[in-house]
Amino acid sequence: MTLPRLIALDLDATLWYPEMYMLSGPPFKLGKCRHGRPVVIDRAGEEVGLLGDAWRILEELTTDAKWEGTEIAYVSRTDMPKWANQCLQMLKLESGVSLHEVAQHHEIFPGRKITHFKRIHERTGIQYNEMLFLDDMRCNIEDCDTLGVCGVYAPDGLTARTWTKALAEYSKRRGKNN
């Protein structure tokens, strides 16, 4: 299987829920959900927690040697980038690594996803066809497809099923391009 040089993850409704615009804002505090996983709690008591199998997948990306050559990016077009960054810094994996530290690239600002990818490409030189992108919005997937980014629709967030599908789709596309 061919692995991507960059994995880009949308935040709202792909990595976590609820979306930033649905929150009441800071001050944020750390809590635990009924499954024992960390959540960020906003001033109104709303809990921001990771979706699907995101915990396991992010842990794998940070600890499994096969991912050493792959960079991680968060690409989010939120109007609340400070809130998103606070949540990323507060949530930690079992290994103690914060979600903020998991990613080398943080493209978290309003605007088109295509802009996020162009900025990452300019900084890293990673070709678009070496990037894998997961998002819960088809329009973002279609937009980035014009650049050659392998986008995979994740309507239920970062689940094991979607992750497996995404890796297979990326490998299939790269096989056609080699």
N, C-alpha and C. Protein backbone atom coordinates (compact mmCIF):
# COMPACT_ATOMS: atom_id res chain seq x y z
N MET A 1 0.84 -1.18 0.00
CA MET A 1 0.00 0.00 0.00
C MET A 1 0.88 1.24 0.00
N THR A 2 0.56 2.18 -0.86
CA THR A 2 1.27 3.44 -0.92
C THR A 2 0.71 4.39 0.12
N LEU A 3 1.58 4.96 0.95
CA LEU A 3 1.13 5.88 2.00
C LEU A 3 1.30 7.32 1.54
N PRO A 4 0.39 8.18 1.94
CA PRO A 4 0.49 9.60 1.57
C PRO A 4 1.63 10.30 2.30
N ARG A 5 2.16 11.33 1.67
CA ARG A 5 3.18 12.15 2.33
C ARG A 5 2.54 13.14 3.29
N LEU A 6 1.23 13.44 3.06
CA LEU A 6 0.52 14.36 3.93
C LEU A 6 -0.92 13.87 4.09
N ILE A 7 -1.38 13.85 5.33
CA ILE A 7 -2.78 13.56 5.63
C ILE A 7 -3.38 14.83 6.20
N ALA A 8 -4.42 15.32 5.56
CA ALA A 8 -5.11 16.53 6.00
C ALA A 8 -6.48 16.17 6.53
N LEU A 9 -6.77 16.66 7.72
CA LEU A 9 -8.04 16.37 8.37
C LEU A 9 -8.80 17.65 8.63
N ASP A 10 -10.06 17.66 8.21
CA ASP A 10 -10.96 18.73 8.61
C ASP A 10 -11.23 18.55 10.11
N LEU A 11 -11.59 19.62 10.79
CA LEU A 11 -11.87 19.52 12.22
C LEU A 11 -13.37 19.32 12.48
N ASP A 12 -14.17 20.35 12.21
CA ASP A 12 -15.59 20.34 12.54
C ASP A 12 -16.35 19.25 11.80
N ALA A 13 -16.99 18.37 12.56
CA ALA A 13 -17.83 17.28 12.06
C ALA A 13 -17.05 16.20 11.30
N THR A 14 -15.71 16.31 11.30
CA THR A 14 -14.87 15.24 10.76
C THR A 14 -14.01 14.67 11.89
N LEU A 15 -13.28 15.55 12.56
CA LEU A 15 -12.46 15.10 13.69
C LEU A 15 -13.25 15.17 15.00
N TRP A 16 -14.04 16.23 15.15
CA TRP A 16 -14.79 16.41 16.40
C TRP A 16 -16.17 16.98 16.16
N TYR A 17 -16.96 16.94 17.23
CA TYR A 17 -18.29 17.52 17.23
C TYR A 17 -18.58 18.00 18.65
N PRO A 18 -19.29 19.10 18.80
CA PRO A 18 -19.93 19.93 17.80
C PRO A 18 -18.93 20.84 17.09
N GLU A 19 -19.44 21.53 16.08
CA GLU A 19 -18.63 22.46 15.33
C GLU A 19 -18.40 23.73 16.16
N MET A 20 -17.31 24.42 15.87
CA MET A 20 -16.93 25.59 16.67
C MET A 20 -18.03 26.65 16.71
N TYR A 21 -18.74 26.85 15.60
CA TYR A 21 -19.77 27.90 15.58
C TYR A 21 -20.94 27.56 16.51
N MET A 22 -21.06 26.32 16.92
CA MET A 22 -22.15 25.88 17.78
C MET A 22 -21.84 26.09 19.27
N LEU A 23 -20.61 26.47 19.57
CA LEU A 23 -20.19 26.62 20.96
C LEU A 23 -20.48 28.02 21.50
N SER A 24 -20.48 28.13 22.82
CA SER A 24 -20.65 29.43 23.49
C SER A 24 -19.31 30.11 23.75
N GLY A 25 -18.23 29.37 23.55
CA GLY A 25 -16.90 29.95 23.68
C GLY A 25 -16.26 29.75 25.04
N PRO A 26 -15.07 30.37 25.19
CA PRO A 26 -14.31 30.22 26.43
C PRO A 26 -14.99 30.93 27.60
N PRO A 27 -14.57 30.61 28.80
CA PRO A 27 -13.42 29.77 29.09
C PRO A 27 -13.73 28.28 28.86
N PHE A 28 -12.71 27.58 28.36
CA PHE A 28 -12.81 26.14 28.14
C PHE A 28 -12.15 25.42 29.30
N LYS A 29 -12.67 24.25 29.59
CA LYS A 29 -12.03 23.40 30.60
C LYS A 29 -12.03 21.97 30.08
N LEU A 30 -11.13 21.19 30.63
CA LEU A 30 -10.99 19.80 30.22
C LEU A 30 -11.90 18.93 31.09
N GLY A 31 -12.55 17.98 30.46
CA GLY A 31 -13.40 17.04 31.18
C GLY A 31 -13.26 15.66 30.57
N LYS A 32 -14.09 14.74 31.02
CA LYS A 32 -14.11 13.38 30.46
C LYS A 32 -15.54 13.04 30.08
N CYS A 33 -15.67 12.37 28.94
CA CYS A 33 -17.00 11.93 28.52
C CYS A 33 -17.31 10.60 29.19
N ARG A 34 -18.48 10.06 28.94
CA ARG A 34 -18.89 8.81 29.59
C ARG A 34 -18.02 7.63 29.18
N HIS A 35 -17.27 7.74 28.07
CA HIS A 35 -16.37 6.67 27.64
C HIS A 35 -14.97 6.84 28.24
N GLY A 36 -14.79 7.88 29.05
CA GLY A 36 -13.51 8.11 29.69
C GLY A 36 -12.52 8.90 28.85
N ARG A 37 -12.92 9.27 27.64
CA ARG A 37 -12.05 10.06 26.77
C ARG A 37 -12.12 11.54 27.16
N PRO A 38 -11.04 12.28 26.93
CA PRO A 38 -11.07 13.71 27.23
C PRO A 38 -12.03 14.45 26.29
N VAL A 39 -12.66 15.46 26.84
CA VAL A 39 -13.48 16.39 26.07
C VAL A 39 -13.14 17.79 26.54
N VAL A 40 -13.39 18.76 25.69
CA VAL A 40 -13.28 20.15 26.07
C VAL A 40 -14.69 20.65 26.32
N ILE A 41 -14.89 21.33 27.43
CA ILE A 41 -16.21 21.83 27.80
C ILE A 41 -16.19 23.36 27.72
N ASP A 42 -17.16 23.91 26.97
CA ASP A 42 -17.22 25.37 26.83
C ASP A 42 -17.94 25.99 28.02
N ARG A 43 -18.08 27.30 28.02
CA ARG A 43 -18.66 28.01 29.17
C ARG A 43 -20.12 27.63 29.44
N ALA A 44 -20.83 27.11 28.43
CA ALA A 44 -22.22 26.71 28.61
C ALA A 44 -22.37 25.22 28.93
N GLY A 45 -21.25 24.50 29.03
CA GLY A 45 -21.30 23.08 29.35
C GLY A 45 -21.33 22.16 28.15
N GLU A 46 -21.23 22.72 26.94
CA GLU A 46 -21.21 21.90 25.71
C GLU A 46 -19.86 21.19 25.62
N GLU A 47 -19.89 19.90 25.30
CA GLU A 47 -18.68 19.09 25.23
C GLU A 47 -18.22 18.91 23.79
N VAL A 48 -16.96 19.18 23.54
CA VAL A 48 -16.34 18.93 22.24
C VAL A 48 -15.55 17.64 22.38
N GLY A 49 -15.95 16.63 21.61
CA GLY A 49 -15.27 15.34 21.67
C GLY A 49 -14.97 14.80 20.29
N LEU A 50 -13.98 13.94 20.21
CA LEU A 50 -13.60 13.36 18.92
C LEU A 50 -14.63 12.35 18.46
N LEU A 51 -14.79 12.29 17.16
CA LEU A 51 -15.77 11.41 16.53
C LEU A 51 -15.17 10.06 16.17
N GLY A 52 -16.05 9.08 16.04
CA GLY A 52 -15.67 7.77 15.49
C GLY A 52 -14.45 7.17 16.13
N ASP A 53 -13.50 6.83 15.29
CA ASP A 53 -12.26 6.18 15.72
C ASP A 53 -11.07 7.14 15.69
N ALA A 54 -11.37 8.43 15.77
CA ALA A 54 -10.31 9.44 15.66
C ALA A 54 -9.21 9.25 16.69
N TRP A 55 -9.57 8.89 17.93
CA TRP A 55 -8.54 8.68 18.96
C TRP A 55 -7.54 7.62 18.51
N ARG A 56 -8.05 6.49 18.10
CA ARG A 56 -7.19 5.37 17.70
C ARG A 56 -6.35 5.72 16.49
N ILE A 57 -6.95 6.38 15.51
CA ILE A 57 -6.24 6.72 14.28
C ILE A 57 -5.15 7.75 14.54
N LEU A 58 -5.45 8.76 15.32
CA LEU A 58 -4.43 9.78 15.64
C LEU A 58 -3.30 9.17 16.47
N GLU A 59 -3.65 8.27 17.37
CA GLU A 59 -2.62 7.58 18.16
C GLU A 59 -1.71 6.78 17.23
N GLU A 60 -2.31 6.07 16.27
CA GLU A 60 -1.53 5.29 15.30
C GLU A 60 -0.60 6.20 14.50
N LEU A 61 -1.12 7.34 14.05
CA LEU A 61 -0.32 8.26 13.24
C LEU A 61 0.88 8.81 14.01
N THR A 62 0.76 8.89 15.33
CA THR A 62 1.86 9.44 16.13
C THR A 62 2.81 8.39 16.68
N THR A 63 2.39 7.11 16.69
CA THR A 63 3.24 6.10 17.33
C THR A 63 3.73 4.99 16.40
N ASP A 64 3.04 4.74 15.30
CA ASP A 64 3.42 3.65 14.40
C ASP A 64 4.52 4.13 13.44
N ALA A 65 5.62 3.41 13.42
CA ALA A 65 6.78 3.80 12.60
C ALA A 65 6.46 3.92 11.11
N LYS A 66 5.46 3.22 10.64
CA LYS A 66 5.14 3.29 9.21
C LYS A 66 4.70 4.69 8.78
N TRP A 67 4.28 5.53 9.74
CA TRP A 67 3.82 6.89 9.42
C TRP A 67 4.90 7.95 9.60
N GLU A 68 6.14 7.54 9.88
CA GLU A 68 7.21 8.51 10.13
C GLU A 68 7.42 9.48 8.97
N GLY A 69 7.21 9.05 7.74
CA GLY A 69 7.41 9.92 6.59
C GLY A 69 6.18 10.72 6.17
N THR A 70 5.14 10.65 6.98
CA THR A 70 3.88 11.34 6.65
C THR A 70 3.66 12.52 7.57
N GLU A 71 3.36 13.67 6.99
CA GLU A 71 3.03 14.86 7.78
C GLU A 71 1.52 14.94 7.95
N ILE A 72 1.10 15.56 9.05
CA ILE A 72 -0.31 15.71 9.36
C ILE A 72 -0.66 17.20 9.30
N ALA A 73 -1.84 17.48 8.77
CA ALA A 73 -2.33 18.86 8.70
C ALA A 73 -3.78 18.92 9.17
N TYR A 74 -4.11 19.99 9.86
CA TYR A 74 -5.51 20.29 10.14
C TYR A 74 -5.90 21.40 9.19
N VAL A 75 -6.98 21.19 8.47
CA VAL A 75 -7.48 22.19 7.53
C VAL A 75 -8.93 22.46 7.88
N SER A 76 -9.18 23.64 8.42
CA SER A 76 -10.51 23.98 8.89
C SER A 76 -10.84 25.40 8.50
N ARG A 77 -12.03 25.59 7.94
CA ARG A 77 -12.45 26.94 7.57
C ARG A 77 -13.46 27.48 8.57
N THR A 78 -12.99 27.64 9.77
CA THR A 78 -13.82 28.12 10.86
C THR A 78 -13.66 29.61 11.07
N ASP A 79 -14.70 30.23 11.59
CA ASP A 79 -14.63 31.64 11.98
C ASP A 79 -14.08 31.78 13.40
N MET A 80 -13.85 30.66 14.06
CA MET A 80 -13.34 30.65 15.43
C MET A 80 -12.02 29.91 15.54
N PRO A 81 -10.98 30.36 14.81
CA PRO A 81 -9.70 29.63 14.85
C PRO A 81 -9.06 29.58 16.23
N LYS A 82 -9.23 30.62 17.03
CA LYS A 82 -8.64 30.60 18.38
C LYS A 82 -9.28 29.52 19.23
N TRP A 83 -10.59 29.35 19.10
CA TRP A 83 -11.27 28.31 19.87
C TRP A 83 -10.79 26.94 19.43
N ALA A 84 -10.68 26.74 18.11
CA ALA A 84 -10.22 25.44 17.59
C ALA A 84 -8.82 25.14 18.09
N ASN A 85 -7.95 26.13 18.06
CA ASN A 85 -6.58 25.91 18.53
C ASN A 85 -6.53 25.61 20.02
N GLN A 86 -7.39 26.26 20.80
CA GLN A 86 -7.45 25.96 22.23
C GLN A 86 -7.87 24.51 22.46
N CYS A 87 -8.88 24.07 21.72
CA CYS A 87 -9.34 22.69 21.85
C CYS A 87 -8.24 21.71 21.47
N LEU A 88 -7.53 21.99 20.38
CA LEU A 88 -6.43 21.12 19.95
C LEU A 88 -5.33 21.04 21.00
N GLN A 89 -5.06 22.15 21.67
CA GLN A 89 -4.01 22.15 22.69
C GLN A 89 -4.44 21.43 23.96
N MET A 90 -5.73 21.46 24.27
CA MET A 90 -6.22 20.85 25.51
C MET A 90 -6.41 19.33 25.40
N LEU A 91 -6.84 18.86 24.23
CA LEU A 91 -7.10 17.43 24.06
C LEU A 91 -5.79 16.69 23.84
N LYS A 92 -5.58 15.63 24.62
CA LYS A 92 -4.34 14.86 24.53
C LYS A 92 -4.64 13.39 24.31
N LEU A 93 -3.77 12.77 23.52
CA LEU A 93 -3.85 11.33 23.29
C LEU A 93 -3.34 10.58 24.51
N GLU A 94 -3.53 9.29 24.54
CA GLU A 94 -3.03 8.48 25.66
C GLU A 94 -1.53 8.60 25.82
N SER A 95 -0.84 8.83 24.71
CA SER A 95 0.62 8.97 24.76
C SER A 95 1.06 10.30 25.38
N GLY A 96 0.08 11.19 25.66
CA GLY A 96 0.40 12.49 26.25
C GLY A 96 0.59 13.60 25.24
N VAL A 97 0.57 13.25 23.97
CA VAL A 97 0.74 14.24 22.90
C VAL A 97 -0.58 14.97 22.70
N SER A 98 -0.53 16.31 22.67
CA SER A 98 -1.76 17.06 22.42
C SER A 98 -2.11 16.95 20.94
N LEU A 99 -3.40 17.10 20.63
CA LEU A 99 -3.81 17.06 19.23
C LEU A 99 -3.12 18.16 18.44
N HIS A 100 -2.83 19.27 19.09
CA HIS A 100 -2.11 20.35 18.42
C HIS A 100 -0.73 19.87 17.96
N GLU A 101 -0.06 19.11 18.80
CA GLU A 101 1.28 18.60 18.49
C GLU A 101 1.27 17.49 17.44
N VAL A 102 0.14 16.84 17.25
CA VAL A 102 0.04 15.76 16.26
C VAL A 102 0.33 16.29 14.86
N ALA A 103 -0.15 17.49 14.58
CA ALA A 103 -0.06 18.06 13.22
C ALA A 103 1.10 19.03 13.08
N GLN A 104 1.76 18.93 11.93
CA GLN A 104 2.84 19.87 11.61
C GLN A 104 2.29 21.13 10.95
N HIS A 105 1.06 21.04 10.46
CA HIS A 105 0.46 22.16 9.73
C HIS A 105 -0.92 22.46 10.29
N HIS A 106 -1.17 23.73 10.56
CA HIS A 106 -2.45 24.18 11.11
C HIS A 106 -3.01 25.28 10.21
N GLU A 107 -3.83 24.88 9.28
CA GLU A 107 -4.48 25.83 8.38
C GLU A 107 -5.92 25.98 8.87
N ILE A 108 -6.10 26.84 9.85
CA ILE A 108 -7.38 27.00 10.54
C ILE A 108 -7.79 28.46 10.44
N PHE A 109 -8.63 28.76 9.46
CA PHE A 109 -9.09 30.11 9.22
C PHE A 109 -10.25 30.07 8.22
N PRO A 110 -11.06 31.13 8.17
CA PRO A 110 -12.16 31.16 7.19
C PRO A 110 -11.59 31.16 5.77
N GLY A 111 -12.36 30.64 4.85
CA GLY A 111 -11.92 30.63 3.45
C GLY A 111 -11.99 29.24 2.86
N ARG A 112 -11.67 29.16 1.59
CA ARG A 112 -11.76 27.90 0.85
C ARG A 112 -10.64 26.95 1.24
N LYS A 113 -10.97 25.66 1.24
CA LYS A 113 -9.97 24.64 1.55
C LYS A 113 -8.84 24.63 0.52
N ILE A 114 -9.16 25.02 -0.67
CA ILE A 114 -8.14 25.05 -1.73
C ILE A 114 -6.98 25.98 -1.31
N THR A 115 -7.31 27.05 -0.58
CA THR A 115 -6.28 27.97 -0.08
C THR A 115 -5.41 27.28 0.96
N HIS A 116 -6.03 26.49 1.83
CA HIS A 116 -5.27 25.75 2.84
C HIS A 116 -4.23 24.86 2.17
N PHE A 117 -4.66 24.13 1.13
CA PHE A 117 -3.75 23.20 0.46
C PHE A 117 -2.66 23.93 -0.32
N LYS A 118 -3.00 25.02 -0.94
CA LYS A 118 -1.97 25.79 -1.67
C LYS A 118 -0.90 26.29 -0.71
N ARG A 119 -1.29 26.73 0.45
CA ARG A 119 -0.32 27.21 1.44
C ARG A 119 0.58 26.07 1.93
N ILE A 120 -0.02 24.91 2.18
CA ILE A 120 0.79 23.75 2.61
C ILE A 120 1.77 23.36 1.51
N HIS A 121 1.29 23.30 0.29
CA HIS A 121 2.15 22.94 -0.85
C HIS A 121 3.31 23.93 -0.99
N GLU A 122 3.02 25.21 -0.89
CA GLU A 122 4.07 26.23 -1.01
C GLU A 122 5.12 26.08 0.08
N ARG A 123 4.71 25.78 1.30
CA ARG A 123 5.64 25.63 2.42
C ARG A 123 6.46 24.35 2.35
N THR A 124 5.83 23.25 1.92
CA THR A 124 6.47 21.94 2.03
C THR A 124 7.02 21.39 0.73
N GLY A 125 6.45 21.81 -0.39
CA GLY A 125 6.82 21.22 -1.67
C GLY A 125 6.15 19.88 -1.92
N ILE A 126 5.33 19.43 -0.97
CA ILE A 126 4.61 18.16 -1.16
C ILE A 126 3.61 18.36 -2.30
N GLN A 127 3.65 17.44 -3.26
CA GLN A 127 2.76 17.54 -4.41
C GLN A 127 1.33 17.23 -3.99
N TYR A 128 0.37 17.84 -4.66
CA TYR A 128 -1.03 17.64 -4.32
C TYR A 128 -1.44 16.17 -4.41
N ASN A 129 -0.89 15.46 -5.39
CA ASN A 129 -1.29 14.05 -5.55
C ASN A 129 -0.64 13.14 -4.49
N GLU A 130 0.17 13.72 -3.60
CA GLU A 130 0.75 12.98 -2.48
C GLU A 130 0.00 13.29 -1.17
N MET A 131 -1.15 13.99 -1.31
CA MET A 131 -1.94 14.40 -0.15
C MET A 131 -3.25 13.63 -0.08
N LEU A 132 -3.63 13.24 1.13
CA LEU A 132 -4.90 12.59 1.39
C LEU A 132 -5.69 13.52 2.32
N PHE A 133 -6.95 13.74 2.00
CA PHE A 133 -7.79 14.70 2.71
C PHE A 133 -9.12 14.06 3.08
N LEU A 134 -9.51 14.20 4.34
CA LEU A 134 -10.81 13.71 4.80
C LEU A 134 -11.65 14.86 5.31
N ASP A 135 -12.91 14.92 4.85
CA ASP A 135 -13.80 16.02 5.20
C ASP A 135 -15.24 15.51 5.16
N ASP A 136 -16.09 16.12 5.97
CA ASP A 136 -17.51 15.74 6.00
C ASP A 136 -18.35 16.50 4.97
N MET A 137 -17.74 17.40 4.22
CA MET A 137 -18.47 18.19 3.23
C MET A 137 -17.98 17.87 1.82
N ARG A 138 -18.90 17.37 0.99
CA ARG A 138 -18.55 17.00 -0.39
C ARG A 138 -17.97 18.16 -1.18
N CYS A 139 -18.51 19.37 -0.97
CA CYS A 139 -18.03 20.53 -1.74
C CYS A 139 -16.55 20.78 -1.50
N ASN A 140 -16.07 20.54 -0.29
CA ASN A 140 -14.64 20.71 0.00
C ASN A 140 -13.81 19.65 -0.70
N ILE A 141 -14.31 18.42 -0.73
CA ILE A 141 -13.63 17.32 -1.42
C ILE A 141 -13.53 17.65 -2.91
N GLU A 142 -14.64 18.07 -3.49
CA GLU A 142 -14.67 18.39 -4.93
C GLU A 142 -13.77 19.57 -5.26
N ASP A 143 -13.76 20.57 -4.39
CA ASP A 143 -12.92 21.75 -4.59
C ASP A 143 -11.44 21.36 -4.65
N CYS A 144 -11.00 20.55 -3.70
CA CYS A 144 -9.60 20.16 -3.62
C CYS A 144 -9.21 19.15 -4.68
N ASP A 145 -10.19 18.42 -5.18
CA ASP A 145 -9.94 17.46 -6.26
C ASP A 145 -9.42 18.18 -7.50
N THR A 146 -9.79 19.44 -7.69
CA THR A 146 -9.31 20.21 -8.84
C THR A 146 -7.80 20.42 -8.79
N LEU A 147 -7.23 20.33 -7.57
CA LEU A 147 -5.77 20.44 -7.42
C LEU A 147 -5.07 19.09 -7.60
N GLY A 148 -5.84 18.02 -7.48
CA GLY A 148 -5.25 16.68 -7.54
C GLY A 148 -5.12 16.04 -6.18
N VAL A 149 -5.64 16.67 -5.14
CA VAL A 149 -5.63 16.11 -3.79
C VAL A 149 -6.63 14.95 -3.75
N CYS A 150 -6.25 13.85 -3.16
CA CYS A 150 -7.16 12.71 -2.99
C CYS A 150 -8.05 12.99 -1.79
N GLY A 151 -9.27 13.40 -2.07
CA GLY A 151 -10.22 13.70 -1.01
C GLY A 151 -11.20 12.56 -0.82
N VAL A 152 -11.52 12.29 0.44
CA VAL A 152 -12.48 11.23 0.75
C VAL A 152 -13.55 11.80 1.67
N TYR A 153 -14.78 11.58 1.28
CA TYR A 153 -15.94 12.05 2.01
C TYR A 153 -16.09 11.25 3.30
N ALA A 154 -16.22 11.96 4.43
CA ALA A 154 -16.33 11.33 5.74
C ALA A 154 -17.59 11.84 6.45
N PRO A 155 -18.76 11.39 5.99
CA PRO A 155 -20.01 11.94 6.53
C PRO A 155 -20.24 11.66 8.01
N ASP A 156 -19.62 10.60 8.54
CA ASP A 156 -19.78 10.24 9.95
C ASP A 156 -18.54 10.56 10.77
N GLY A 157 -17.66 11.37 10.21
CA GLY A 157 -16.42 11.70 10.90
C GLY A 157 -15.34 10.67 10.60
N LEU A 158 -14.27 10.74 11.36
CA LEU A 158 -13.11 9.88 11.15
C LEU A 158 -13.36 8.51 11.79
N THR A 159 -14.02 7.65 11.03
CA THR A 159 -14.32 6.29 11.49
C THR A 159 -13.30 5.33 10.90
N ALA A 160 -13.21 4.14 11.46
CA ALA A 160 -12.30 3.10 10.94
C ALA A 160 -12.66 2.77 9.49
N ARG A 161 -13.94 2.68 9.21
CA ARG A 161 -14.39 2.36 7.85
C ARG A 161 -13.96 3.42 6.84
N THR A 162 -14.17 4.68 7.20
CA THR A 162 -13.78 5.77 6.31
C THR A 162 -12.26 5.84 6.15
N TRP A 163 -11.53 5.60 7.24
CA TRP A 163 -10.07 5.61 7.22
C TRP A 163 -9.54 4.54 6.27
N THR A 164 -10.07 3.33 6.39
CA THR A 164 -9.66 2.23 5.51
C THR A 164 -9.98 2.56 4.05
N LYS A 165 -11.16 3.09 3.82
CA LYS A 165 -11.57 3.50 2.48
C LYS A 165 -10.64 4.58 1.92
N ALA A 166 -10.29 5.55 2.76
CA ALA A 166 -9.42 6.65 2.34
C ALA A 166 -8.04 6.15 1.94
N LEU A 167 -7.46 5.27 2.75
CA LEU A 167 -6.13 4.74 2.44
C LEU A 167 -6.15 3.92 1.16
N ALA A 168 -7.21 3.14 0.97
CA ALA A 168 -7.34 2.34 -0.25
C ALA A 168 -7.50 3.23 -1.48
N GLU A 169 -8.32 4.26 -1.36
CA GLU A 169 -8.54 5.19 -2.48
C GLU A 169 -7.24 5.91 -2.84
N TYR A 170 -6.50 6.36 -1.83
CA TYR A 170 -5.23 7.03 -2.08
C TYR A 170 -4.27 6.09 -2.80
N SER A 171 -4.13 4.88 -2.30
CA SER A 171 -3.22 3.91 -2.88
C SER A 171 -3.62 3.59 -4.33
N LYS A 172 -4.90 3.46 -4.57
CA LYS A 172 -5.42 3.19 -5.91
C LYS A 172 -5.08 4.34 -6.87
N ARG A 173 -5.31 5.56 -6.42
CA ARG A 173 -4.99 6.73 -7.26
C ARG A 173 -3.50 6.85 -7.56
N ARG A 174 -2.70 6.63 -6.52
CA ARG A 174 -1.24 6.72 -6.71
C ARG A 174 -0.75 5.62 -7.64
N GLY A 175 -1.37 4.45 -7.58
CA GLY A 175 -1.00 3.36 -8.46
C GLY A 175 -1.24 3.70 -9.92
N LYS A 176 -2.31 4.45 -10.17
CA LYS A 176 -2.64 4.88 -11.54
C LYS A 176 -1.68 5.95 -12.03
N ASN A 177 -1.14 6.74 -11.09
CA ASN A 177 -0.27 7.86 -11.48
C ASN A 177 1.20 7.46 -11.57
N ASN A 178 1.54 6.25 -11.15
CA ASN A 178 2.96 5.85 -11.17
C ASN A 178 3.31 5.11 -12.45
